[in-house]
Amino acid sequence: MPHYVSLMRWTSQGLAGLPGWRERVEEGERIIEAAGGSLISVYVTLGRYDVVEIFEAPDDETAAEILLKLQRFGAEHTETLRAFTRDEADAIVRRL
């Protein structure tokens, strides 16, 4: 199943709602699972991004749907990357 890495920056609304952050993560996990994916991990980070979230989804279209549902609350801005596992990358490189 494809992996996605979401780099997130909290908005002012997201910062104001930090006491409810754990519930937002749990709601996000339910949204991901309802779409057929799974939340792999969530990290609060230092630097340019406040949170890094790694999840799986069946395909890019489903990942986009998940992200749109998550962003509707306006708590963060996201940049999402499609990530390839080592095995997937090896298969791609072997075809070169």
N, C-alpha and C. Protein backbone atom coordinates (compact mmCIF):
# COMPACT_ATOMS: atom_id res chain seq x y z
N MET A 1 0.85 -1.17 0.00
CA MET A 1 0.00 0.00 0.00
C MET A 1 0.91 1.24 0.00
N PRO A 2 0.60 2.25 -0.81
CA PRO A 2 1.43 3.46 -0.87
C PRO A 2 1.52 4.18 0.48
N HIS A 3 2.69 4.75 0.72
CA HIS A 3 2.94 5.53 1.93
C HIS A 3 2.97 7.02 1.59
N TYR A 4 2.56 7.83 2.54
CA TYR A 4 2.54 9.29 2.38
C TYR A 4 3.11 9.93 3.63
N VAL A 5 3.90 10.97 3.43
CA VAL A 5 4.49 11.74 4.52
C VAL A 5 3.90 13.14 4.44
N SER A 6 3.17 13.53 5.48
CA SER A 6 2.58 14.87 5.52
C SER A 6 3.39 15.73 6.48
N LEU A 7 3.87 16.85 5.95
CA LEU A 7 4.59 17.84 6.75
C LEU A 7 3.59 18.93 7.08
N MET A 8 3.40 19.20 8.36
CA MET A 8 2.33 20.11 8.78
C MET A 8 2.87 21.28 9.59
N ARG A 9 2.24 22.43 9.33
CA ARG A 9 2.49 23.64 10.14
C ARG A 9 1.16 24.06 10.74
N TRP A 10 1.14 24.27 12.04
CA TRP A 10 -0.09 24.68 12.69
C TRP A 10 -0.48 26.09 12.27
N THR A 11 -1.75 26.30 12.04
CA THR A 11 -2.28 27.64 11.81
C THR A 11 -2.53 28.29 13.17
N SER A 12 -2.90 29.56 13.18
CA SER A 12 -3.23 30.19 14.46
C SER A 12 -4.41 29.47 15.11
N GLN A 13 -5.34 29.01 14.29
CA GLN A 13 -6.48 28.24 14.80
C GLN A 13 -5.99 26.92 15.42
N GLY A 14 -5.03 26.28 14.77
CA GLY A 14 -4.47 25.04 15.28
C GLY A 14 -3.75 25.25 16.59
N LEU A 15 -2.99 26.34 16.69
CA LEU A 15 -2.29 26.64 17.94
C LEU A 15 -3.26 26.91 19.08
N ALA A 16 -4.34 27.64 18.77
CA ALA A 16 -5.35 27.93 19.80
C ALA A 16 -6.02 26.65 20.28
N GLY A 17 -6.10 25.66 19.43
CA GLY A 17 -6.75 24.41 19.79
C GLY A 17 -5.81 23.32 20.25
N LEU A 18 -4.58 23.66 20.60
CA LEU A 18 -3.61 22.63 21.00
C LEU A 18 -4.08 21.74 22.15
N PRO A 19 -4.83 22.25 23.12
CA PRO A 19 -5.29 21.33 24.17
C PRO A 19 -6.10 20.15 23.61
N GLY A 20 -6.71 20.29 22.46
CA GLY A 20 -7.47 19.21 21.84
C GLY A 20 -6.70 18.47 20.77
N TRP A 21 -5.39 18.66 20.73
CA TRP A 21 -4.58 18.06 19.67
C TRP A 21 -4.69 16.54 19.63
N ARG A 22 -4.65 15.91 20.78
CA ARG A 22 -4.72 14.43 20.82
C ARG A 22 -6.02 13.94 20.20
N GLU A 23 -7.12 14.61 20.49
CA GLU A 23 -8.40 14.23 19.90
C GLU A 23 -8.39 14.43 18.39
N ARG A 24 -7.72 15.49 17.91
CA ARG A 24 -7.63 15.71 16.46
C ARG A 24 -6.83 14.60 15.79
N VAL A 25 -5.77 14.16 16.43
CA VAL A 25 -4.99 13.05 15.88
C VAL A 25 -5.84 11.79 15.82
N GLU A 26 -6.59 11.51 16.87
CA GLU A 26 -7.45 10.32 16.90
C GLU A 26 -8.55 10.42 15.84
N GLU A 27 -9.12 11.61 15.64
CA GLU A 27 -10.12 11.80 14.59
C GLU A 27 -9.49 11.59 13.21
N GLY A 28 -8.27 12.09 13.04
CA GLY A 28 -7.55 11.88 11.78
C GLY A 28 -7.31 10.40 11.52
N GLU A 29 -6.97 9.67 12.56
CA GLU A 29 -6.76 8.23 12.41
C GLU A 29 -8.06 7.55 11.98
N ARG A 30 -9.19 7.95 12.55
CA ARG A 30 -10.48 7.37 12.15
C ARG A 30 -10.80 7.69 10.68
N ILE A 31 -10.50 8.92 10.24
CA ILE A 31 -10.73 9.31 8.85
C ILE A 31 -9.88 8.45 7.91
N ILE A 32 -8.62 8.28 8.26
CA ILE A 32 -7.70 7.48 7.43
C ILE A 32 -8.19 6.04 7.37
N GLU A 33 -8.56 5.47 8.51
CA GLU A 33 -9.00 4.07 8.53
C GLU A 33 -10.31 3.88 7.78
N ALA A 34 -11.22 4.85 7.88
CA ALA A 34 -12.50 4.75 7.18
C ALA A 34 -12.30 4.75 5.66
N ALA A 35 -11.20 5.34 5.20
CA ALA A 35 -10.90 5.38 3.77
C ALA A 35 -10.09 4.17 3.32
N GLY A 36 -9.81 3.25 4.24
CA GLY A 36 -9.07 2.04 3.89
C GLY A 36 -7.58 2.15 4.11
N GLY A 37 -7.13 3.19 4.80
CA GLY A 37 -5.71 3.37 5.07
C GLY A 37 -5.37 3.10 6.52
N SER A 38 -4.16 3.47 6.90
CA SER A 38 -3.76 3.35 8.30
C SER A 38 -2.74 4.43 8.63
N LEU A 39 -2.84 4.92 9.86
CA LEU A 39 -1.88 5.90 10.37
C LEU A 39 -0.68 5.13 10.89
N ILE A 40 0.48 5.41 10.34
CA ILE A 40 1.71 4.71 10.74
C ILE A 40 2.33 5.36 11.96
N SER A 41 2.49 6.69 11.91
CA SER A 41 3.07 7.39 13.05
C SER A 41 2.85 8.90 12.92
N VAL A 42 2.95 9.57 14.06
CA VAL A 42 2.82 11.02 14.13
C VAL A 42 3.95 11.52 15.02
N TYR A 43 4.65 12.56 14.56
CA TYR A 43 5.75 13.15 15.33
C TYR A 43 5.53 14.65 15.45
N VAL A 44 5.70 15.20 16.63
CA VAL A 44 5.79 16.64 16.80
C VAL A 44 7.27 16.95 16.61
N THR A 45 7.57 17.94 15.77
CA THR A 45 8.95 18.18 15.38
C THR A 45 9.40 19.61 15.67
N LEU A 46 10.68 19.79 15.68
CA LEU A 46 11.30 21.11 15.79
C LEU A 46 11.67 21.56 14.38
N GLY A 47 11.70 22.86 14.15
CA GLY A 47 12.11 23.36 12.84
C GLY A 47 10.94 23.92 12.07
N ARG A 48 11.04 23.83 10.76
CA ARG A 48 10.07 24.45 9.86
C ARG A 48 8.66 23.88 10.01
N TYR A 49 8.57 22.58 10.30
CA TYR A 49 7.27 21.93 10.42
C TYR A 49 7.00 21.58 11.88
N ASP A 50 5.74 21.61 12.26
CA ASP A 50 5.34 21.32 13.63
C ASP A 50 5.03 19.85 13.84
N VAL A 51 4.53 19.20 12.80
CA VAL A 51 4.11 17.81 12.89
C VAL A 51 4.49 17.09 11.60
N VAL A 52 4.92 15.85 11.73
CA VAL A 52 5.12 14.96 10.58
C VAL A 52 4.24 13.75 10.82
N GLU A 53 3.42 13.46 9.83
CA GLU A 53 2.49 12.33 9.93
C GLU A 53 2.77 11.40 8.77
N ILE A 54 2.85 10.12 9.05
CA ILE A 54 3.08 9.11 8.02
C ILE A 54 1.87 8.19 8.01
N PHE A 55 1.28 8.03 6.82
CA PHE A 55 0.12 7.16 6.71
C PHE A 55 0.15 6.39 5.41
N GLU A 56 -0.65 5.34 5.35
CA GLU A 56 -0.83 4.53 4.15
C GLU A 56 -2.24 4.77 3.63
N ALA A 57 -2.38 4.72 2.32
CA ALA A 57 -3.69 4.80 1.67
C ALA A 57 -3.66 3.91 0.44
N PRO A 58 -4.81 3.42 0.02
CA PRO A 58 -4.84 2.50 -1.13
C PRO A 58 -4.28 3.09 -2.42
N ASP A 59 -4.43 4.41 -2.63
CA ASP A 59 -3.96 5.04 -3.86
C ASP A 59 -3.91 6.55 -3.66
N ASP A 60 -3.38 7.26 -4.67
CA ASP A 60 -3.24 8.71 -4.57
C ASP A 60 -4.58 9.43 -4.43
N GLU A 61 -5.59 8.92 -5.11
CA GLU A 61 -6.91 9.56 -5.03
C GLU A 61 -7.46 9.47 -3.62
N THR A 62 -7.30 8.32 -2.99
CA THR A 62 -7.77 8.16 -1.61
C THR A 62 -6.96 9.02 -0.66
N ALA A 63 -5.66 9.11 -0.90
CA ALA A 63 -4.82 9.98 -0.06
C ALA A 63 -5.28 11.43 -0.17
N ALA A 64 -5.60 11.87 -1.38
CA ALA A 64 -6.10 13.24 -1.57
C ALA A 64 -7.41 13.45 -0.82
N GLU A 65 -8.29 12.49 -0.90
CA GLU A 65 -9.57 12.57 -0.17
C GLU A 65 -9.33 12.68 1.33
N ILE A 66 -8.43 11.86 1.86
CA ILE A 66 -8.09 11.89 3.28
C ILE A 66 -7.58 13.28 3.66
N LEU A 67 -6.65 13.79 2.88
CA LEU A 67 -6.05 15.09 3.20
C LEU A 67 -7.08 16.21 3.16
N LEU A 68 -7.97 16.18 2.20
CA LEU A 68 -9.01 17.21 2.13
C LEU A 68 -9.93 17.14 3.35
N LYS A 69 -10.26 15.94 3.77
CA LYS A 69 -11.09 15.79 4.97
C LYS A 69 -10.37 16.29 6.21
N LEU A 70 -9.08 16.01 6.31
CA LEU A 70 -8.30 16.45 7.47
C LEU A 70 -8.12 17.96 7.49
N GLN A 71 -7.97 18.56 6.33
CA GLN A 71 -7.69 20.00 6.26
C GLN A 71 -8.94 20.86 6.43
N ARG A 72 -10.10 20.28 6.37
CA ARG A 72 -11.32 21.08 6.46
C ARG A 72 -11.47 21.77 7.80
N PHE A 73 -10.73 21.33 8.82
CA PHE A 73 -10.82 21.96 10.14
C PHE A 73 -9.96 23.22 10.23
N GLY A 74 -9.03 23.41 9.30
CA GLY A 74 -8.21 24.61 9.27
C GLY A 74 -7.16 24.70 10.35
N ALA A 75 -6.79 23.59 10.95
CA ALA A 75 -5.83 23.61 12.05
C ALA A 75 -4.38 23.58 11.58
N GLU A 76 -4.14 23.17 10.34
CA GLU A 76 -2.77 23.10 9.85
C GLU A 76 -2.72 23.28 8.34
N HIS A 77 -1.53 23.68 7.89
CA HIS A 77 -1.22 23.70 6.46
C HIS A 77 -0.36 22.46 6.23
N THR A 78 -0.60 21.77 5.12
CA THR A 78 0.15 20.54 4.88
C THR A 78 0.88 20.55 3.54
N GLU A 79 1.94 19.81 3.51
CA GLU A 79 2.66 19.49 2.29
C GLU A 79 2.85 17.98 2.35
N THR A 80 2.34 17.26 1.39
CA THR A 80 2.36 15.80 1.46
C THR A 80 3.20 15.22 0.34
N LEU A 81 4.00 14.26 0.70
CA LEU A 81 4.92 13.60 -0.23
C LEU A 81 4.54 12.13 -0.36
N ARG A 82 4.56 11.63 -1.57
CA ARG A 82 4.39 10.19 -1.79
C ARG A 82 5.75 9.58 -1.51
N ALA A 83 5.79 8.61 -0.61
CA ALA A 83 7.05 8.00 -0.22
C ALA A 83 7.13 6.57 -0.75
N PHE A 84 8.32 6.18 -1.20
CA PHE A 84 8.54 4.83 -1.71
C PHE A 84 9.42 4.08 -0.72
N THR A 85 9.05 2.85 -0.41
CA THR A 85 9.86 2.03 0.49
C THR A 85 11.18 1.69 -0.21
N ARG A 86 12.09 1.12 0.53
CA ARG A 86 13.37 0.71 -0.05
C ARG A 86 13.14 -0.30 -1.17
N ASP A 87 12.25 -1.27 -0.94
CA ASP A 87 11.97 -2.28 -1.97
C ASP A 87 11.35 -1.65 -3.21
N GLU A 88 10.41 -0.72 -3.01
CA GLU A 88 9.79 -0.04 -4.16
C GLU A 88 10.82 0.77 -4.93
N ALA A 89 11.70 1.46 -4.21
CA ALA A 89 12.74 2.26 -4.87
C ALA A 89 13.72 1.36 -5.62
N ASP A 90 14.09 0.22 -5.02
CA ASP A 90 14.98 -0.72 -5.71
C ASP A 90 14.37 -1.20 -7.01
N ALA A 91 13.07 -1.51 -7.00
CA ALA A 91 12.39 -1.96 -8.22
C ALA A 91 12.40 -0.88 -9.29
N ILE A 92 12.21 0.37 -8.88
CA ILE A 92 12.23 1.47 -9.83
C ILE A 92 13.63 1.64 -10.42
N VAL A 93 14.65 1.60 -9.58
CA VAL A 93 16.03 1.80 -10.04
C VAL A 93 16.46 0.66 -10.96
N ARG A 94 16.02 -0.55 -10.68
CA ARG A 94 16.38 -1.69 -11.54
C ARG A 94 15.83 -1.55 -12.95
N ARG A 95 14.77 -0.80 -13.11
CA ARG A 95 14.18 -0.61 -14.45
C ARG A 95 14.91 0.45 -15.27
N LEU A 96 15.86 1.15 -14.68
CA LEU A 96 16.58 2.22 -15.40
C LEU A 96 17.59 1.64 -16.39
